[in-house]
C-alpha atoms as a PDB file:
ATOM      1  CA  MET A   1      75.297  44.270   3.092  1.00  0.00           C
ATOM      2  CA  ILE A   2      74.161  43.328  -0.398  1.00  0.00           C
ATOM      3  CA  TRP A   3      72.118  40.444   1.024  1.00  0.00           C
ATOM      4  CA  VAL A   4      70.275  42.905   3.260  1.00  0.00           C
ATOM      5  CA  SER A   5      69.389  45.006   0.224  1.00  0.00           C
ATOM      6  CA  LEU A   6      68.216  41.956  -1.692  1.00  0.00           C
ATOM      7  CA  THR A   7      66.003  40.751   1.138  1.00  0.00           C
ATOM      8  CA  LEU A   8      64.534  44.222   1.675  1.00  0.00           C
ATOM      9  CA  CYS A   9      63.739  44.477  -2.035  1.00  0.00           C
ATOM     10  CA  PHE A  10      62.139  41.044  -1.976  1.00  0.00           C
ATOM     11  CA  SER A  11      60.051  41.815   1.108  1.00  0.00           C
ATOM     12  CA  GLY A  12      59.012  45.166  -0.337  1.00  0.00           C
ATOM     13  CA  PHE A  13      57.814  43.596  -3.565  1.00  0.00           C
ATOM     14  CA  VAL A  14      55.960  40.900  -1.636  1.00  0.00           C
ATOM     15  CA  ALA A  15      54.225  43.573   0.449  1.00  0.00           C
ATOM     16  CA  LEU A  16      53.252  45.480  -2.691  1.00  0.00           C
ATOM     17  CA  CYS A  17      51.935  42.318  -4.327  1.00  0.00           C
ATOM     18  CA  LEU A  18      49.931  41.343  -1.262  1.00  0.00           C
ATOM     19  CA  SER A  19      48.342  44.793  -1.211  1.00  0.00           C
ATOM     20  CA  MET A  20      46.544  43.821  -4.426  1.00  0.00           C
ATOM     21  CA  ASP A  21      43.325  41.851  -4.059  1.00  0.00           C
ATOM     22  CA  ARG A  22      44.224  39.243  -6.670  1.00  0.00           C
ATOM     23  CA  HIS A  23      47.527  38.228  -5.093  1.00  0.00           C
ATOM     24  CA  HIS A  24      46.135  38.433  -1.569  1.00  0.00           C
ATOM     25  CA  ARG A  25      43.401  35.974  -2.543  1.00  0.00           C
ATOM     26  CA  GLN A  26      45.961  33.796  -4.303  1.00  0.00           C
ATOM     27  CA  VAL A  27      48.163  33.528  -1.199  1.00  0.00           C
ATOM     28  CA  PHE A  28      45.662  33.611   1.677  1.00  0.00           C
ATOM     29  CA  ALA A  29      42.428  32.440  -0.039  1.00  0.00           C
ATOM     30  CA  GLU A  30      40.494  35.348   1.476  1.00  0.00           C
ATOM     31  CA  GLU A  31      39.709  38.974   0.710  1.00  0.00           C
ATOM     32  CA  SER A  32      41.905  41.719   2.128  1.00  0.00           C
ATOM     33  CA  HIS A  33      40.590  44.704   4.050  1.00  0.00           C
ATOM     34  CA  ARG A  34      41.330  48.314   3.168  1.00  0.00           C
ATOM     35  CA  PRO A  35      43.499  49.144   6.243  1.00  0.00           C
ATOM     36  CA  GLU A  36      45.487  45.961   5.694  1.00  0.00           C
ATOM     37  CA  ARG A  37      46.098  46.877   2.039  1.00  0.00           C
ATOM     38  CA  MET A  38      47.226  50.392   2.974  1.00  0.00           C
ATOM     39  CA  ILE A  39      49.699  49.108   5.562  1.00  0.00           C
ATOM     40  CA  LEU A  40      51.154  46.636   3.071  1.00  0.00           C
ATOM     41  CA  ARG A  41      51.364  49.295   0.368  1.00  0.00           C
ATOM     42  CA  ILE A  42      53.092  51.833   2.621  1.00  0.00           C
ATOM     43  CA  GLY A  43      55.478  49.213   4.007  1.00  0.00           C
ATOM     44  CA  GLY A  44      56.351  48.011   0.513  1.00  0.00           C
ATOM     45  CA  TRP A  45      57.041  51.479  -0.812  1.00  0.00           C
ATOM     46  CA  LEU A  46      59.154  52.351   2.234  1.00  0.00           C
ATOM     47  CA  SER A  47      61.291  49.225   2.093  1.00  0.00           C
ATOM     48  CA  LEU A  48      62.263  49.620  -1.572  1.00  0.00           C
ATOM     49  CA  PRO A  49      64.181  52.929  -1.205  1.00  0.00           C
ATOM     50  CA  LEU A  50      65.455  51.779   2.183  1.00  0.00           C
ATOM     51  CA  ALA A  51      67.100  48.847   0.390  1.00  0.00           C
ATOM     52  CA  CYS A  52      69.270  51.311  -1.542  1.00  0.00           C
ATOM     53  CA  THR A  53      71.054  52.475   1.620  1.00  0.00           C
ATOM     54  CA  PRO A  54      73.227  49.374   2.276  1.00  0.00           C
ATOM     55  CA  CYS A  55      74.329  49.315  -1.355  1.00  0.00           C
ATOM     56  CA  MET A  56      75.342  52.961  -1.255  1.00  0.00           C
ATOM     57  CA  ILE A  57      77.162  52.554   2.061  1.00  0.00           C
ATOM     58  CA  GLU A  58      79.188  49.605   0.810  1.00  0.00           C
ATOM     59  CA  LEU A  59      79.938  50.632  -2.775  1.00  0.00           C
ATOM     60  CA  GLY A  60      79.376  54.368  -3.003  1.00  0.00           C
ATOM     61  CA  PRO A  61      76.513  56.247  -4.654  1.00  0.00           C
ATOM     62  CA  SER A  62      77.142  55.549  -8.332  1.00  0.00           C
ATOM     63  CA  ILE A  63      77.760  51.803  -8.168  1.00  0.00           C
ATOM     64  CA  GLY A  64      75.403  51.362  -5.208  1.00  0.00           C
ATOM     65  CA  ILE A  65      72.414  52.740  -7.112  1.00  0.00           C
ATOM     66  CA  SER A  66      73.247  50.593 -10.133  1.00  0.00           C
ATOM     67  CA  LEU A  67      73.466  47.510  -7.933  1.00  0.00           C
ATOM     68  CA  TRP A  68      70.188  48.481  -6.271  1.00  0.00           C
ATOM     69  CA  PHE A  69      68.422  48.549  -9.648  1.00  0.00           C
ATOM     70  CA  THR A  70      69.875  45.124 -10.402  1.00  0.00           C
ATOM     71  CA  LEU A  71      68.646  43.791  -7.063  1.00  0.00           C
ATOM     72  CA  LEU A  72      65.196  45.299  -7.709  1.00  0.00           C
ATOM     73  CA  THR A  73      65.032  43.460 -11.011  1.00  0.00           C
ATOM     74  CA  PHE A  74      66.207  40.168  -9.548  1.00  0.00           C
ATOM     75  CA  SER A  75      63.871  40.293  -6.558  1.00  0.00           C
ATOM     76  CA  GLY A  76      60.920  41.298  -8.745  1.00  0.00           C
ATOM     77  CA  LEU A  77      61.604  38.300 -10.956  1.00  0.00           C
ATOM     78  CA  LEU A  78      61.849  36.049  -7.910  1.00  0.00           C
ATOM     79  CA  VAL A  79      58.519  37.306  -6.539  1.00  0.00           C
ATOM     80  CA  MET A  80      56.887  36.836  -9.937  1.00  0.00           C
ATOM     81  CA  LEU A  81      58.114  33.241 -10.218  1.00  0.00           C
ATOM     82  CA  LEU A  82      57.118  32.398  -6.663  1.00  0.00           C
ATOM     83  CA  LEU A  83      53.633  33.860  -7.118  1.00  0.00           C
ATOM     84  CA  SER A  84      53.244  31.835 -10.302  1.00  0.00           C
ATOM     85  CA  TYR A  85      54.439  28.473  -9.015  1.00  0.00           C
ATOM     86  CA  ARG A  86      54.476  28.500  -5.184  1.00  0.00           C
ATOM     87  CA  PRO A  87      52.232  31.332  -3.918  1.00  0.00           C
ATOM     88  CA  ARG A  88      51.981  29.967  -0.360  1.00  0.00           C
ATOM     89  CA  LEU A  89      55.773  30.123   0.014  1.00  0.00           C
ATOM     90  CA  VAL A  90      55.957  33.884  -0.605  1.00  0.00           C
ATOM     91  CA  VAL A  91      54.980  35.103   2.864  1.00  0.00           C
ATOM     92  CA  PRO A  92      57.280  32.817   4.903  1.00  0.00           C
ATOM     93  CA  LEU A  93      60.215  33.752   2.685  1.00  0.00           C
ATOM     94  CA  ALA A  94      59.420  37.470   2.899  1.00  0.00           C
ATOM     95  CA  ILE A  95      59.406  37.266   6.691  1.00  0.00           C
ATOM     96  CA  ALA A  96      62.395  34.962   7.077  1.00  0.00           C
ATOM     97  CA  ALA A  97      64.733  36.555   4.537  1.00  0.00           C
ATOM     98  CA  PRO A  98      65.425  39.880   6.328  1.00  0.00           C
ATOM     99  CA  SER A  99      65.492  38.238   9.746  1.00  0.00           C
ATOM    100  CA  VAL A 100      68.177  35.837   8.528  1.00  0.00           C
ATOM    101  CA  SER A 101      70.263  38.361   6.577  1.00  0.00           C
ATOM    102  CA  LEU A 102      70.435  41.076   9.268  1.00  0.00           C
ATOM    103  CA  PRO A 103      72.297  38.911  11.828  1.00  0.00           C
ATOM    104  CA  LEU A 104      74.714  37.862   9.083  1.00  0.00           C
ATOM    105  CA  VAL A 105      75.826  41.486   8.765  1.00  0.00           C
ATOM    106  CA  TRP A 106      77.136  41.456  12.326  1.00  0.00           C
ATOM    107  CA  LEU A 107      78.755  38.040  11.949  1.00  0.00           C
ATOM    108  CA  LEU A 108      80.660  38.875   8.762  1.00  0.00           C
END
């Protein structure tokens, strides 16, 4: 369940970064449109608190929220490093990470 939280945090931060013109141009080499930015911004802000739920289910509220803050920090650092060194890799990872981690929940 912790992997699901980590991937949701990562995807949320990627969505928030891509809602900014500078990072959108950096990744896609084109300008973003206003509706596209709003969808990314809303999706990013919704996925960050949603990522807290698996942590709280697995570890309880007090430790789950602390772990969630740790995962937010780690995923923010990962997004920052990827945008600095490999900006084209951000979108495929943001799409693939939750789709890979969700089936693992049912297997484990």
